[in-house]
Amino acid sequence: MKNNKILYVPLDDRPVNLMIVKQLANLAELEIKTPIKEDLGCFLKEGNVNSIKKWINTEKCDSLIISLDMLLYGGLIASRTDKRSVEEAMDILKFLKAYKKENRDTKI
């Protein structure tokens, strides 16, 4: 029986970060949801940060596990570029702070 709902935003779309985590959660009888794979990008293509933020806001959960590399930059490889300024990254962190304020019972 599923005992709580977890939203999981992985580091990237590699199986070790996405498929295996979902399989382990299933074995532990945890309900885990992830953004659609297209929003996670693929190798050199960065993930869609705005879509992921919208997804987080529309899903209800008990716990939220987030890779900040994905949320702030669009994934591991994208986090190693200078496409996003520090100010832009800080604005995204403000989103997370506001989310927590609105969802006090959600563990992050």
N, C-alpha and C. Protein backbone atom coordinates (compact mmCIF):
# COMPACT_ATOMS: atom_id res chain seq x y z
N MET A 1 0.84 -1.18 0.00
CA MET A 1 0.00 0.00 0.00
C MET A 1 0.89 1.24 0.00
N LYS A 2 0.54 2.22 -0.79
CA LYS A 2 1.28 3.47 -0.87
C LYS A 2 1.03 4.26 0.41
N ASN A 3 2.10 4.81 1.02
CA ASN A 3 1.89 5.49 2.29
C ASN A 3 2.12 6.99 2.26
N ASN A 4 2.80 7.51 1.29
CA ASN A 4 2.84 8.96 1.11
C ASN A 4 3.27 9.29 -0.31
N LYS A 5 2.95 10.50 -0.71
CA LYS A 5 3.23 10.90 -2.09
C LYS A 5 4.49 11.76 -2.12
N ILE A 6 5.41 11.37 -2.97
CA ILE A 6 6.68 12.07 -3.12
C ILE A 6 6.76 12.63 -4.53
N LEU A 7 7.11 13.91 -4.62
CA LEU A 7 7.47 14.50 -5.91
C LEU A 7 8.98 14.48 -5.98
N TYR A 8 9.50 13.98 -7.08
CA TYR A 8 10.94 13.82 -7.24
C TYR A 8 11.39 14.50 -8.52
N VAL A 9 12.29 15.48 -8.37
CA VAL A 9 12.89 16.16 -9.52
C VAL A 9 14.34 15.70 -9.58
N PRO A 10 14.66 14.81 -10.53
CA PRO A 10 16.00 14.23 -10.57
C PRO A 10 17.07 15.18 -11.12
N LEU A 11 18.31 14.77 -10.94
CA LEU A 11 19.46 15.52 -11.45
C LEU A 11 19.42 15.64 -12.97
N ASP A 12 19.03 14.57 -13.63
CA ASP A 12 18.90 14.54 -15.09
C ASP A 12 18.10 13.30 -15.46
N ASP A 13 18.05 12.99 -16.75
CA ASP A 13 17.18 11.89 -17.20
C ASP A 13 17.88 10.54 -17.28
N ARG A 14 19.10 10.44 -16.80
CA ARG A 14 19.80 9.15 -16.85
C ARG A 14 19.07 8.12 -15.99
N PRO A 15 19.10 6.86 -16.40
CA PRO A 15 18.39 5.81 -15.65
C PRO A 15 18.73 5.75 -14.16
N VAL A 16 19.98 5.97 -13.81
CA VAL A 16 20.38 5.91 -12.40
C VAL A 16 19.69 7.00 -11.58
N ASN A 17 19.33 8.10 -12.20
CA ASN A 17 18.67 9.20 -11.51
C ASN A 17 17.16 9.19 -11.64
N LEU A 18 16.64 8.47 -12.60
CA LEU A 18 15.20 8.50 -12.86
C LEU A 18 14.58 7.11 -12.71
N MET A 19 14.89 6.21 -13.59
CA MET A 19 14.24 4.90 -13.62
C MET A 19 14.52 4.09 -12.35
N ILE A 20 15.78 4.02 -11.94
CA ILE A 20 16.13 3.21 -10.78
C ILE A 20 15.52 3.77 -9.50
N VAL A 21 15.50 5.09 -9.37
CA VAL A 21 14.88 5.71 -8.19
C VAL A 21 13.39 5.38 -8.14
N LYS A 22 12.72 5.45 -9.28
CA LYS A 22 11.29 5.11 -9.33
C LYS A 22 11.07 3.63 -8.98
N GLN A 23 11.94 2.76 -9.46
CA GLN A 23 11.81 1.33 -9.15
C GLN A 23 12.02 1.07 -7.66
N LEU A 24 13.01 1.72 -7.06
CA LEU A 24 13.26 1.55 -5.63
C LEU A 24 12.09 2.06 -4.80
N ALA A 25 11.53 3.19 -5.19
CA ALA A 25 10.37 3.73 -4.47
C ALA A 25 9.19 2.76 -4.57
N ASN A 26 9.02 2.18 -5.73
CA ASN A 26 7.94 1.21 -5.92
C ASN A 26 8.15 -0.02 -5.02
N LEU A 27 9.38 -0.49 -4.93
CA LEU A 27 9.69 -1.62 -4.05
C LEU A 27 9.38 -1.29 -2.59
N ALA A 28 9.62 -0.05 -2.21
CA ALA A 28 9.35 0.40 -0.84
C ALA A 28 7.89 0.80 -0.64
N GLU A 29 7.09 0.60 -1.67
CA GLU A 29 5.66 0.94 -1.66
C GLU A 29 5.42 2.43 -1.39
N LEU A 30 6.24 3.25 -1.99
CA LEU A 30 6.08 4.70 -1.93
C LEU A 30 5.51 5.20 -3.25
N GLU A 31 4.62 6.15 -3.17
CA GLU A 31 4.10 6.77 -4.39
C GLU A 31 5.05 7.89 -4.78
N ILE A 32 5.65 7.77 -5.95
CA ILE A 32 6.60 8.78 -6.41
C ILE A 32 6.18 9.27 -7.79
N LYS A 33 6.23 10.58 -7.96
CA LYS A 33 5.90 11.17 -9.26
C LYS A 33 7.08 12.03 -9.70
N THR A 34 7.29 12.05 -11.00
CA THR A 34 8.37 12.85 -11.58
C THR A 34 7.80 13.70 -12.70
N PRO A 35 8.50 14.78 -13.05
CA PRO A 35 8.06 15.56 -14.22
C PRO A 35 8.11 14.67 -15.46
N ILE A 36 7.40 15.08 -16.50
CA ILE A 36 7.48 14.31 -17.74
C ILE A 36 8.93 14.32 -18.24
N LYS A 37 9.32 13.24 -18.87
CA LYS A 37 10.72 13.07 -19.27
C LYS A 37 11.20 14.20 -20.19
N GLU A 38 10.33 14.69 -21.05
CA GLU A 38 10.71 15.76 -21.98
C GLU A 38 11.14 17.02 -21.22
N ASP A 39 10.57 17.26 -20.04
CA ASP A 39 10.94 18.45 -19.26
C ASP A 39 12.28 18.29 -18.56
N LEU A 40 12.81 17.08 -18.53
CA LEU A 40 14.09 16.84 -17.87
C LEU A 40 15.28 17.03 -18.81
N GLY A 41 15.01 17.33 -20.06
CA GLY A 41 16.09 17.50 -21.02
C GLY A 41 16.73 16.16 -21.34
N CYS A 42 17.84 16.23 -22.06
CA CYS A 42 18.54 15.01 -22.45
C CYS A 42 19.98 15.36 -22.79
N PHE A 43 20.90 14.85 -22.03
CA PHE A 43 22.33 15.05 -22.20
C PHE A 43 22.68 16.54 -22.31
N LEU A 44 22.95 17.06 -23.50
CA LEU A 44 23.34 18.46 -23.63
C LEU A 44 22.15 19.42 -23.69
N LYS A 45 20.94 18.89 -23.83
CA LYS A 45 19.74 19.73 -23.88
C LYS A 45 19.25 19.93 -22.45
N GLU A 46 19.20 21.18 -22.02
CA GLU A 46 18.80 21.45 -20.64
C GLU A 46 17.31 21.20 -20.42
N GLY A 47 16.98 20.88 -19.18
CA GLY A 47 15.59 20.67 -18.81
C GLY A 47 14.81 21.97 -18.81
N ASN A 48 13.49 21.85 -18.83
CA ASN A 48 12.60 23.00 -18.86
C ASN A 48 12.25 23.42 -17.43
N VAL A 49 13.01 24.34 -16.90
CA VAL A 49 12.86 24.77 -15.51
C VAL A 49 11.47 25.34 -15.25
N ASN A 50 10.95 26.15 -16.17
CA ASN A 50 9.62 26.74 -15.96
C ASN A 50 8.53 25.68 -15.91
N SER A 51 8.61 24.68 -16.77
CA SER A 51 7.63 23.60 -16.74
C SER A 51 7.72 22.79 -15.45
N ILE A 52 8.93 22.58 -14.98
CA ILE A 52 9.11 21.83 -13.73
C ILE A 52 8.53 22.62 -12.56
N LYS A 53 8.75 23.93 -12.54
CA LYS A 53 8.17 24.76 -11.48
C LYS A 53 6.64 24.70 -11.52
N LYS A 54 6.06 24.78 -12.71
CA LYS A 54 4.60 24.68 -12.84
C LYS A 54 4.11 23.33 -12.35
N TRP A 55 4.83 22.27 -12.71
CA TRP A 55 4.46 20.92 -12.29
C TRP A 55 4.47 20.81 -10.77
N ILE A 56 5.51 21.34 -10.14
CA ILE A 56 5.60 21.30 -8.67
C ILE A 56 4.40 22.01 -8.06
N ASN A 57 4.02 23.16 -8.63
CA ASN A 57 2.90 23.93 -8.09
C ASN A 57 1.55 23.25 -8.27
N THR A 58 1.41 22.41 -9.28
CA THR A 58 0.10 21.80 -9.54
C THR A 58 -0.08 20.46 -8.84
N GLU A 59 0.99 19.82 -8.45
CA GLU A 59 0.91 18.51 -7.78
C GLU A 59 0.92 18.69 -6.27
N LYS A 60 0.10 17.94 -5.59
CA LYS A 60 0.11 17.92 -4.13
C LYS A 60 0.98 16.76 -3.68
N CYS A 61 1.72 16.96 -2.58
CA CYS A 61 2.59 15.89 -2.11
C CYS A 61 2.85 16.02 -0.62
N ASP A 62 3.41 14.95 -0.07
CA ASP A 62 3.85 14.96 1.33
C ASP A 62 5.32 15.34 1.42
N SER A 63 6.09 14.95 0.41
CA SER A 63 7.53 15.22 0.38
C SER A 63 7.95 15.63 -1.03
N LEU A 64 8.96 16.48 -1.06
CA LEU A 64 9.49 16.98 -2.33
C LEU A 64 11.00 16.78 -2.31
N ILE A 65 11.49 15.98 -3.24
CA ILE A 65 12.93 15.75 -3.37
C ILE A 65 13.36 16.42 -4.66
N ILE A 66 14.24 17.40 -4.55
CA ILE A 66 14.59 18.21 -5.72
C ILE A 66 16.10 18.28 -5.90
N SER A 67 16.54 18.02 -7.11
CA SER A 67 17.91 18.32 -7.48
C SER A 67 17.97 19.81 -7.79
N LEU A 68 18.76 20.55 -7.04
CA LEU A 68 18.88 21.98 -7.31
C LEU A 68 19.57 22.23 -8.64
N ASP A 69 20.44 21.32 -9.08
CA ASP A 69 21.05 21.47 -10.41
C ASP A 69 19.96 21.50 -11.48
N MET A 70 18.95 20.63 -11.34
CA MET A 70 17.86 20.61 -12.32
C MET A 70 16.97 21.84 -12.16
N LEU A 71 16.57 22.14 -10.93
CA LEU A 71 15.64 23.24 -10.72
C LEU A 71 16.26 24.59 -11.11
N LEU A 72 17.51 24.80 -10.77
CA LEU A 72 18.14 26.10 -11.03
C LEU A 72 18.67 26.24 -12.45
N TYR A 73 19.18 25.14 -13.01
CA TYR A 73 19.89 25.25 -14.28
C TYR A 73 19.37 24.36 -15.40
N GLY A 74 18.57 23.38 -15.07
CA GLY A 74 18.08 22.47 -16.10
C GLY A 74 18.85 21.17 -16.19
N GLY A 75 19.61 20.83 -15.15
CA GLY A 75 20.31 19.55 -15.13
C GLY A 75 21.79 19.69 -14.80
N LEU A 76 22.44 18.56 -14.69
CA LEU A 76 23.85 18.54 -14.30
C LEU A 76 24.75 19.26 -15.30
N ILE A 77 24.65 18.90 -16.56
CA ILE A 77 25.52 19.52 -17.56
C ILE A 77 25.20 21.00 -17.71
N ALA A 78 23.91 21.34 -17.71
CA ALA A 78 23.52 22.75 -17.83
C ALA A 78 24.02 23.57 -16.64
N SER A 79 24.19 22.93 -15.48
CA SER A 79 24.67 23.67 -14.31
C SER A 79 26.14 24.06 -14.44
N ARG A 80 26.81 23.48 -15.40
CA ARG A 80 28.24 23.76 -15.60
C ARG A 80 28.48 24.83 -16.66
N THR A 81 27.40 25.45 -17.10
CA THR A 81 27.53 26.52 -18.10
C THR A 81 27.22 27.86 -17.43
N ASP A 82 27.38 28.92 -18.18
CA ASP A 82 27.09 30.25 -17.63
C ASP A 82 25.83 30.84 -18.26
N LYS A 83 24.90 29.98 -18.67
CA LYS A 83 23.67 30.46 -19.33
C LYS A 83 22.75 31.20 -18.36
N ARG A 84 22.80 30.84 -17.08
CA ARG A 84 21.90 31.46 -16.11
C ARG A 84 22.74 32.26 -15.11
N SER A 85 22.32 33.49 -14.86
CA SER A 85 23.05 34.34 -13.93
C SER A 85 22.75 33.94 -12.48
N VAL A 86 23.57 34.42 -11.58
CA VAL A 86 23.33 34.19 -10.16
C VAL A 86 21.98 34.77 -9.75
N GLU A 87 21.65 35.92 -10.29
CA GLU A 87 20.37 36.57 -9.96
C GLU A 87 19.18 35.71 -10.41
N GLU A 88 19.29 35.13 -11.61
CA GLU A 88 18.21 34.25 -12.09
C GLU A 88 18.09 33.01 -11.20
N ALA A 89 19.22 32.46 -10.82
CA ALA A 89 19.19 31.28 -9.94
C ALA A 89 18.58 31.64 -8.58
N MET A 90 18.91 32.80 -8.07
CA MET A 90 18.34 33.24 -6.79
C MET A 90 16.83 33.43 -6.89
N ASP A 91 16.35 33.93 -8.02
CA ASP A 91 14.91 34.07 -8.22
C ASP A 91 14.21 32.71 -8.18
N ILE A 92 14.85 31.71 -8.75
CA ILE A 92 14.27 30.37 -8.73
C ILE A 92 14.26 29.83 -7.30
N LEU A 93 15.29 30.13 -6.53
CA LEU A 93 15.29 29.72 -5.12
C LEU A 93 14.17 30.41 -4.35
N LYS A 94 13.84 31.63 -4.74
CA LYS A 94 12.71 32.33 -4.12
C LYS A 94 11.41 31.58 -4.39
N PHE A 95 11.29 30.98 -5.57
CA PHE A 95 10.13 30.15 -5.88
C PHE A 95 10.02 29.02 -4.86
N LEU A 96 11.13 28.37 -4.57
CA LEU A 96 11.13 27.26 -3.63
C LEU A 96 10.76 27.73 -2.22
N LYS A 97 11.26 28.88 -1.84
CA LYS A 97 10.92 29.45 -0.53
C LYS A 97 9.43 29.76 -0.45
N ALA A 98 8.87 30.34 -1.51
CA ALA A 98 7.44 30.64 -1.54
C ALA A 98 6.61 29.36 -1.53
N TYR A 99 7.08 28.34 -2.24
CA TYR A 99 6.38 27.05 -2.24
C TYR A 99 6.30 26.50 -0.82
N LYS A 100 7.41 26.54 -0.11
CA LYS A 100 7.44 26.01 1.26
C LYS A 100 6.51 26.82 2.17
N LYS A 101 6.46 28.11 1.97
CA LYS A 101 5.58 28.97 2.78
C LYS A 101 4.12 28.58 2.56
N GLU A 102 3.75 28.26 1.32
CA GLU A 102 2.38 27.88 0.99
C GLU A 102 2.07 26.43 1.35
N ASN A 103 3.09 25.60 1.48
CA ASN A 103 2.92 24.17 1.73
C ASN A 103 3.75 23.76 2.94
N ARG A 104 3.40 24.32 4.08
CA ARG A 104 4.20 24.13 5.30
C ARG A 104 4.38 22.67 5.71
N ASP A 105 3.40 21.84 5.42
CA ASP A 105 3.48 20.44 5.84
C ASP A 105 4.31 19.57 4.89
N THR A 106 4.65 20.11 3.74
CA THR A 106 5.45 19.35 2.77
C THR A 106 6.92 19.36 3.21
N LYS A 107 7.50 18.19 3.28
CA LYS A 107 8.92 18.08 3.61
C LYS A 107 9.73 18.26 2.33
N ILE A 108 10.75 19.08 2.40
CA ILE A 108 11.62 19.30 1.25
C ILE A 108 13.02 18.85 1.62
